Amino acid sequence: MSAVPAVEVNTLSFTYPGADGPTLVDLTFSVRPGSIYGFLGPSGAGKSTTQKILYRLLSEYSGSVRVAGTEIRDWSS
């Protein structure tokens, strides 16, 4: 199995403009190639926000999001 995670998220934090507080605070996880994961949690836990960041629909976050070892901020549009 590959040593490089398919997806690696490190200390991801995000706050929507005008929000009372952050939606994500220091979220860290990795997904190994061939693995299947799901996002579970109550309403407002940050599931959709995390997916929007992974899909590059939100870009004003702090932390690192890498896919196959490459930071997604470095991808061209």
PDB file of N, CA and C in Angstrom:
ATOM      1  N   MET A   1       0.839  -1.182   0.000  1.00  0.00           N
ATOM      2  CA  MET A   1       0.000   0.000   0.000  1.00  0.00           C
ATOM      3  C   MET A   1       0.881   1.241   0.000  1.00  0.00           C
ATOM      4  N   SER A   2       0.417   2.279  -0.662  1.00  0.00           N
ATOM      5  CA  SER A   2       1.174   3.523  -0.796  1.00  0.00           C
ATOM      6  C   SER A   2       1.385   4.204   0.549  1.00  0.00           C
ATOM      7  N   ALA A   3       2.562   4.816   0.708  1.00  0.00           N
ATOM      8  CA  ALA A   3       2.858   5.548   1.940  1.00  0.00           C
ATOM      9  C   ALA A   3       2.207   6.932   1.940  1.00  0.00           C
ATOM     10  N   VAL A   4       1.852   7.447   0.763  1.00  0.00           N
ATOM     11  CA  VAL A   4       1.226   8.765   0.661  1.00  0.00           C
ATOM     12  C   VAL A   4      -0.289   8.603   0.763  1.00  0.00           C
ATOM     13  N   PRO A   5      -0.921   9.280   1.734  1.00  0.00           N
ATOM     14  CA  PRO A   5      -2.378   9.197   1.842  1.00  0.00           C
ATOM     15  C   PRO A   5      -3.059   9.752   0.591  1.00  0.00           C
ATOM     16  N   ALA A   6      -4.214   9.196   0.250  1.00  0.00           N
ATOM     17  CA  ALA A   6      -4.988   9.732  -0.869  1.00  0.00           C
ATOM     18  C   ALA A   6      -5.453  11.143  -0.536  1.00  0.00           C
ATOM     19  N   VAL A   7      -5.900  11.342   0.704  1.00  0.00           N
ATOM     20  CA  VAL A   7      -6.322  12.656   1.199  1.00  0.00           C
ATOM     21  C   VAL A   7      -5.721  12.841   2.581  1.00  0.00           C
ATOM     22  N   GLU A   8      -5.125  13.999   2.807  1.00  0.00           N
ATOM     23  CA  GLU A   8      -4.551  14.300   4.116  1.00  0.00           C
ATOM     24  C   GLU A   8      -4.940  15.722   4.508  1.00  0.00           C
ATOM     25  N   VAL A   9      -5.640  15.849   5.622  1.00  0.00           N
ATOM     26  CA  VAL A   9      -6.096  17.138   6.135  1.00  0.00           C
ATOM     27  C   VAL A   9      -5.395  17.377   7.463  1.00  0.00           C
ATOM     28  N   ASN A  10      -4.729  18.519   7.593  1.00  0.00           N
ATOM     29  CA  ASN A  10      -3.986  18.839   8.817  1.00  0.00           C
ATOM     30  C   ASN A  10      -4.413  20.197   9.366  1.00  0.00           C
ATOM     31  N   THR A  11      -4.859  20.200  10.589  1.00  0.00           N
ATOM     32  CA  THR A  11      -5.253  21.400  11.351  1.00  0.00           C
ATOM     33  C   THR A  11      -6.119  22.356  10.532  1.00  0.00           C
ATOM     34  N   LEU A  12      -7.125  21.795   9.871  1.00  0.00           N
ATOM     35  CA  LEU A  12      -8.044  22.572   9.043  1.00  0.00           C
ATOM     36  C   LEU A  12      -9.008  23.355   9.924  1.00  0.00           C
ATOM     37  N   SER A  13      -9.079  24.656   9.697  1.00  0.00           N
ATOM     38  CA  SER A  13     -10.012  25.524  10.418  1.00  0.00           C
ATOM     39  C   SER A  13     -10.707  26.431   9.412  1.00  0.00           C
ATOM     40  N   PHE A  14     -11.978  26.734   9.696  1.00  0.00           N
ATOM     41  CA  PHE A  14     -12.751  27.586   8.789  1.00  0.00           C
ATOM     42  C   PHE A  14     -13.852  28.287   9.558  1.00  0.00           C
ATOM     43  N   THR A  15     -14.042  29.565   9.245  1.00  0.00           N
ATOM     44  CA  THR A  15     -15.132  30.354   9.813  1.00  0.00           C
ATOM     45  C   THR A  15     -15.853  31.059   8.671  1.00  0.00           C
ATOM     46  N   TYR A  16     -17.165  30.890   8.607  1.00  0.00           N
ATOM     47  CA  TYR A  16     -17.947  31.601   7.598  1.00  0.00           C
ATOM     48  C   TYR A  16     -17.980  33.088   7.936  1.00  0.00           C
ATOM     49  N   PRO A  17     -17.913  33.956   6.924  1.00  0.00           N
ATOM     50  CA  PRO A  17     -17.988  35.396   7.180  1.00  0.00           C
ATOM     51  C   PRO A  17     -19.269  35.740   7.947  1.00  0.00           C
ATOM     52  N   GLY A  18     -19.136  36.527   8.985  1.00  0.00           N
ATOM     53  CA  GLY A  18     -20.278  36.947   9.780  1.00  0.00           C
ATOM     54  C   GLY A  18     -20.747  35.944  10.814  1.00  0.00           C
ATOM     55  N   ALA A  19     -20.104  34.772  10.875  1.00  0.00           N
ATOM     56  CA  ALA A  19     -20.505  33.743  11.844  1.00  0.00           C
ATOM     57  C   ALA A  19     -20.044  34.122  13.244  1.00  0.00           C
ATOM     58  N   ASP A  20     -20.759  33.621  14.242  1.00  0.00           N
ATOM     59  CA  ASP A  20     -20.402  33.881  15.639  1.00  0.00           C
ATOM     60  C   ASP A  20     -19.126  33.159  16.062  1.00  0.00           C
ATOM     61  N   GLY A  21     -18.817  32.064  15.396  1.00  0.00           N
ATOM     62  CA  GLY A  21     -17.626  31.292  15.736  1.00  0.00           C
ATOM     63  C   GLY A  21     -17.237  30.387  14.587  1.00  0.00           C
ATOM     64  N   PRO A  22     -16.140  29.669  14.731  1.00  0.00           N
ATOM     65  CA  PRO A  22     -15.655  28.797  13.660  1.00  0.00           C
ATOM     66  C   PRO A  22     -16.550  27.583  13.449  1.00  0.00           C
ATOM     67  N   THR A  23     -16.599  27.126  12.211  1.00  0.00           N
ATOM     68  CA  THR A  23     -17.303  25.894  11.868  1.00  0.00           C
ATOM     69  C   THR A  23     -16.373  24.704  12.044  1.00  0.00           C
ATOM     70  N   LEU A  24     -15.110  24.867  11.665  1.00  0.00           N
ATOM     71  CA  LEU A  24     -14.095  23.821  11.818  1.00  0.00           C
ATOM     72  C   LEU A  24     -12.930  24.378  12.628  1.00  0.00           C
ATOM     73  N   VAL A  25     -12.422  23.573  13.552  1.00  0.00           N
ATOM     74  CA  VAL A  25     -11.275  23.980  14.366  1.00  0.00           C
ATOM     75  C   VAL A  25     -10.286  22.818  14.431  1.00  0.00           C
ATOM     76  N   ASP A  26      -9.129  22.988  13.813  1.00  0.00           N
ATOM     77  CA  ASP A  26      -8.030  22.013  13.877  1.00  0.00           C
ATOM     78  C   ASP A  26      -8.440  20.588  13.500  1.00  0.00           C
ATOM     79  N   LEU A  27      -9.231  20.446  12.440  1.00  0.00           N
ATOM     80  CA  LEU A  27      -9.629  19.123  11.952  1.00  0.00           C
ATOM     81  C   LEU A  27      -8.432  18.455  11.284  1.00  0.00           C
ATOM     82  N   THR A  28      -8.127  17.238  11.687  1.00  0.00           N
ATOM     83  CA  THR A  28      -7.010  16.484  11.124  1.00  0.00           C
ATOM     84  C   THR A  28      -7.453  15.052  10.864  1.00  0.00           C
ATOM     85  N   PHE A  29      -7.229  14.576   9.640  1.00  0.00           N
ATOM     86  CA  PHE A  29      -7.504  13.176   9.312  1.00  0.00           C
ATOM     87  C   PHE A  29      -6.773  12.823   8.020  1.00  0.00           C
ATOM     88  N   SER A  30      -6.626  11.533   7.760  1.00  0.00           N
ATOM     89  CA  SER A  30      -6.072  11.086   6.488  1.00  0.00           C
ATOM     90  C   SER A  30      -6.865   9.885   6.004  1.00  0.00           C
ATOM     91  N   VAL A  31      -6.914   9.754   4.690  1.00  0.00           N
ATOM     92  CA  VAL A  31      -7.615   8.652   4.040  1.00  0.00           C
ATOM     93  C   VAL A  31      -6.593   7.919   3.183  1.00  0.00           C
ATOM     94  N   ARG A  32      -6.394   6.668   3.463  1.00  0.00           N
ATOM     95  CA  ARG A  32      -5.442   5.859   2.702  1.00  0.00           C
ATOM     96  C   ARG A  32      -6.062   5.401   1.383  1.00  0.00           C
ATOM     97  N   PRO A  33      -5.257   5.221   0.352  1.00  0.00           N
ATOM     98  CA  PRO A  33      -5.783   4.736  -0.926  1.00  0.00           C
ATOM     99  C   PRO A  33      -6.553   3.428  -0.740  1.00  0.00           C
ATOM    100  N   GLY A  34      -7.691   3.329  -1.391  1.00  0.00           N
ATOM    101  CA  GLY A  34      -8.512   2.127  -1.322  1.00  0.00           C
ATOM    102  C   GLY A  34      -9.460   2.077  -0.144  1.00  0.00           C
ATOM    103  N   SER A  35      -9.381   3.048   0.747  1.00  0.00           N
ATOM    104  CA  SER A  35     -10.247   3.084   1.928  1.00  0.00           C
ATOM    105  C   SER A  35     -11.549   3.807   1.612  1.00  0.00           C
ATOM    106  N   ILE A  36     -12.572   3.494   2.384  1.00  0.00           N
ATOM    107  CA  ILE A  36     -13.865   4.158   2.262  1.00  0.00           C
ATOM    108  C   ILE A  36     -14.203   4.760   3.614  1.00  0.00           C
ATOM    109  N   TYR A  37     -14.518   6.046   3.624  1.00  0.00           N
ATOM    110  CA  TYR A  37     -14.853   6.764   4.851  1.00  0.00           C
ATOM    111  C   TYR A  37     -16.172   7.490   4.654  1.00  0.00           C
ATOM    112  N   GLY A  38     -16.813   7.822   5.760  1.00  0.00           N
ATOM    113  CA  GLY A  38     -18.028   8.628   5.726  1.00  0.00           C
ATOM    114  C   GLY A  38     -17.918   9.766   6.713  1.00  0.00           C
ATOM    115  N   PHE A  39     -18.659  10.832   6.468  1.00  0.00           N
ATOM    116  CA  PHE A  39     -18.730  11.969   7.382  1.00  0.00           C
ATOM    117  C   PHE A  39     -20.010  11.836   8.193  1.00  0.00           C
ATOM    118  N   LEU A  40     -19.870  11.690   9.496  1.00  0.00           N
ATOM    119  CA  LEU A  40     -21.017  11.562  10.386  1.00  0.00           C
ATOM    120  C   LEU A  40     -20.943  12.627  11.462  1.00  0.00           C
ATOM    121  N   GLY A  41     -22.085  13.157  11.841  1.00  0.00           N
ATOM    122  CA  GLY A  41     -22.128  14.139  12.918  1.00  0.00           C
ATOM    123  C   GLY A  41     -23.432  14.896  12.904  1.00  0.00           C
ATOM    124  N   PRO A  42     -23.704  15.606  13.979  1.00  0.00           N
ATOM    125  CA  PRO A  42     -24.954  16.360  14.062  1.00  0.00           C
ATOM    126  C   PRO A  42     -24.950  17.573  13.126  1.00  0.00           C
ATOM    127  N   SER A  43     -26.105  18.166  12.960  1.00  0.00           N
ATOM    128  CA  SER A  43     -26.243  19.381  12.170  1.00  0.00           C
ATOM    129  C   SER A  43     -25.297  20.453  12.700  1.00  0.00           C
ATOM    130  N   GLY A  44     -24.569  21.092  11.785  1.00  0.00           N
ATOM    131  CA  GLY A  44     -23.645  22.147  12.176  1.00  0.00           C
ATOM    132  C   GLY A  44     -22.268  21.673  12.579  1.00  0.00           C
ATOM    133  N   ALA A  45     -21.986  20.378  12.419  1.00  0.00           N
ATOM    134  CA  ALA A  45     -20.696  19.837  12.840  1.00  0.00           C
ATOM    135  C   ALA A  45     -19.571  20.111  11.845  1.00  0.00           C
ATOM    136  N   GLY A  46     -19.902  20.543  10.621  1.00  0.00           N
ATOM    137  CA  GLY A  46     -18.876  20.868   9.635  1.00  0.00           C
ATOM    138  C   GLY A  46     -18.715  19.854   8.521  1.00  0.00           C
ATOM    139  N   LYS A  47     -19.637  18.910   8.409  1.00  0.00           N
ATOM    140  CA  LYS A  47     -19.533  17.885   7.362  1.00  0.00           C
ATOM    141  C   LYS A  47     -19.561  18.500   5.962  1.00  0.00           C
ATOM    142  N   SER A  48     -20.571  19.308   5.696  1.00  0.00           N
ATOM    143  CA  SER A  48     -20.702  19.936   4.373  1.00  0.00           C
ATOM    144  C   SER A  48     -19.575  20.927   4.122  1.00  0.00           C
ATOM    145  N   THR A  49     -19.175  21.651   5.132  1.00  0.00           N
ATOM    146  CA  THR A  49     -18.073  22.605   4.991  1.00  0.00           C
ATOM    147  C   THR A  49     -16.785  21.879   4.613  1.00  0.00           C
ATOM    148  N   THR A  50     -16.511  20.754   5.264  1.00  0.00           N
ATOM    149  CA  THR A  50     -15.318  19.968   4.939  1.00  0.00           C
ATOM    150  C   THR A  50     -15.364  19.515   3.488  1.00  0.00           C
ATOM    151  N   GLN A  51     -16.514  19.026   3.040  1.00  0.00           N
ATOM    152  CA  GLN A  51     -16.635  18.577   1.652  1.00  0.00           C
ATOM    153  C   GLN A  51     -16.482  19.738   0.677  1.00  0.00           C
ATOM    154  N   LYS A  52     -17.035  20.890   1.009  1.00  0.00           N
ATOM    155  CA  LYS A  52     -16.885  22.060   0.129  1.00  0.00           C
ATOM    156  C   LYS A  52     -15.420  22.464  -0.002  1.00  0.00           C
ATOM    157  N   ILE A  53     -14.665  22.346   1.071  1.00  0.00           N
ATOM    158  CA  ILE A  53     -13.230  22.651   1.006  1.00  0.00           C
ATOM    159  C   ILE A  53     -12.516  21.608   0.146  1.00  0.00           C
ATOM    160  N   LEU A  54     -12.843  20.333   0.340  1.00  0.00           N
ATOM    161  CA  LEU A  54     -12.223  19.280  -0.469  1.00  0.00           C
ATOM    162  C   LEU A  54     -12.542  19.445  -1.956  1.00  0.00           C
ATOM    163  N   TYR A  55     -13.745  19.929  -2.277  1.00  0.00           N
ATOM    164  CA  TYR A  55     -14.156  20.157  -3.669  1.00  0.00           C
ATOM    165  C   TYR A  55     -13.701  21.513  -4.196  1.00  0.00           C
ATOM    166  N   ARG A  56     -12.982  22.273  -3.340  1.00  0.00           N
ATOM    167  CA  ARG A  56     -12.440  23.589  -3.683  1.00  0.00           C
ATOM    168  C   ARG A  56     -13.526  24.626  -3.931  1.00  0.00           C
ATOM    169  N   LEU A  57     -14.661  24.466  -3.266  1.00  0.00           N
ATOM    170  CA  LEU A  57     -15.725  25.458  -3.351  1.00  0.00           C
ATOM    171  C   LEU A  57     -15.517  26.569  -2.322  1.00  0.00           C
ATOM    172  N   LEU A  58     -14.746  26.280  -1.285  1.00  0.00           N
ATOM    173  CA  LEU A  58     -14.350  27.264  -0.274  1.00  0.00           C
ATOM    174  C   LEU A  58     -12.828  27.289  -0.235  1.00  0.00           C
ATOM    175  N   SER A  59     -12.247  28.484  -0.241  1.00  0.00           N
ATOM    176  CA  SER A  59     -10.781  28.551  -0.295  1.00  0.00           C
ATOM    177  C   SER A  59     -10.149  29.340   0.845  1.00  0.00           C
ATOM    178  N   GLU A  60     -10.929  30.052   1.626  1.00  0.00           N
ATOM    179  CA  GLU A  60     -10.375  30.887   2.696  1.00  0.00           C
ATOM    180  C   GLU A  60     -10.318  30.116   4.013  1.00  0.00           C
ATOM    181  N   TYR A  61      -9.501  29.085   4.062  1.00  0.00           N
ATOM    182  CA  TYR A  61      -9.349  28.261   5.262  1.00  0.00           C
ATOM    183  C   TYR A  61      -7.904  28.295   5.719  1.00  0.00           C
ATOM    184  N   SER A  62      -7.690  27.886   6.948  1.00  0.00           N
ATOM    185  CA  SER A  62      -6.316  27.726   7.424  1.00  0.00           C
ATOM    186  C   SER A  62      -6.054  26.241   7.597  1.00  0.00           C
ATOM    187  N   GLY A  63      -4.802  25.868   7.506  1.00  0.00           N
ATOM    188  CA  GLY A  63      -4.429  24.464   7.582  1.00  0.00           C
ATOM    189  C   GLY A  63      -4.000  23.963   6.217  1.00  0.00           C
ATOM    190  N   SER A  64      -3.887  22.667   6.108  1.00  0.00           N
ATOM    191  CA  SER A  64      -3.397  22.042   4.883  1.00  0.00           C
ATOM    192  C   SER A  64      -4.360  20.957   4.426  1.00  0.00           C
ATOM    193  N   VAL A  65      -4.632  20.943   3.116  1.00  0.00           N
ATOM    194  CA  VAL A  65      -5.443  19.892   2.507  1.00  0.00           C
ATOM    195  C   VAL A  65      -4.651  19.370   1.318  1.00  0.00           C
ATOM    196  N   ARG A  66      -4.236  18.111   1.394  1.00  0.00           N
ATOM    197  CA  ARG A  66      -3.439  17.508   0.323  1.00  0.00           C
ATOM    198  C   ARG A  66      -4.175  16.315  -0.277  1.00  0.00           C
ATOM    199  N   VAL A  67      -4.112  16.222  -1.586  1.00  0.00           N
ATOM    200  CA  VAL A  67      -4.640  15.070  -2.307  1.00  0.00           C
ATOM    201  C   VAL A  67      -3.477  14.475  -3.080  1.00  0.00           C
ATOM    202  N   ALA A  68      -3.199  13.206  -2.843  1.00  0.00           N
ATOM    203  CA  ALA A  68      -2.062  12.515  -3.460  1.00  0.00           C
ATOM    204  C   ALA A  68      -0.759  13.280  -3.230  1.00  0.00           C
ATOM    205  N   GLY A  69      -0.631  13.899  -2.052  1.00  0.00           N
ATOM    206  CA  GLY A  69       0.594  14.580  -1.674  1.00  0.00           C
ATOM    207  C   GLY A  69       0.713  16.023  -2.125  1.00  0.00           C
ATOM    208  N   THR A  70      -0.261  16.522  -2.880  1.00  0.00           N
ATOM    209  CA  THR A  70      -0.203  17.888  -3.392  1.00  0.00           C
ATOM    210  C   THR A  70      -1.244  18.759  -2.701  1.00  0.00           C
ATOM    211  N   GLU A  71      -0.804  19.917  -2.212  1.00  0.00           N
ATOM    212  CA  GLU A  71      -1.717  20.880  -1.590  1.00  0.00           C
ATOM    213  C   GLU A  71      -2.734  21.353  -2.625  1.00  0.00           C
ATOM    214  N   ILE A  72      -4.032  21.290  -2.291  1.00  0.00           N
ATOM    215  CA  ILE A  72      -5.054  21.644  -3.283  1.00  0.00           C
ATOM    216  C   ILE A  72      -5.026  23.129  -3.639  1.00  0.00           C
ATOM    217  N   ARG A  73      -4.463  23.962  -2.788  1.00  0.00           N
ATOM    218  CA  ARG A  73      -4.322  25.387  -3.135  1.00  0.00           C
ATOM    219  C   ARG A  73      -3.367  25.579  -4.311  1.00  0.00           C
ATOM    220  N   ASP A  74      -2.480  24.615  -4.540  1.00  0.00           N
ATOM    221  CA  ASP A  74      -1.495  24.714  -5.614  1.00  0.00           C
ATOM    222  C   ASP A  74      -2.033  24.250  -6.966  1.00  0.00           C
ATOM    223  N   TRP A  75      -3.216  23.676  -6.982  1.00  0.00           N
ATOM    224  CA  TRP A  75      -3.801  23.227  -8.246  1.00  0.00           C
ATOM    225  C   TRP A  75      -4.221  24.425  -9.083  1.00  0.00           C
ATOM    226  N   SER A  76      -4.077  24.296 -10.387  1.00  0.00           N
ATOM    227  CA  SER A  76      -4.603  25.348 -11.257  1.00  0.00           C
ATOM    228  C   SER A  76      -6.106  25.116 -11.420  1.00  0.00           C
ATOM    229  N   SER A  77      -6.812  26.160 -11.768  1.00  0.00           N
ATOM    230  CA  SER A  77      -8.281  26.068 -11.863  1.00  0.00           C
ATOM    231  C   SER A  77      -8.731  25.232 -13.009  1.00  0.00           C
TER     232      SER A  77
END
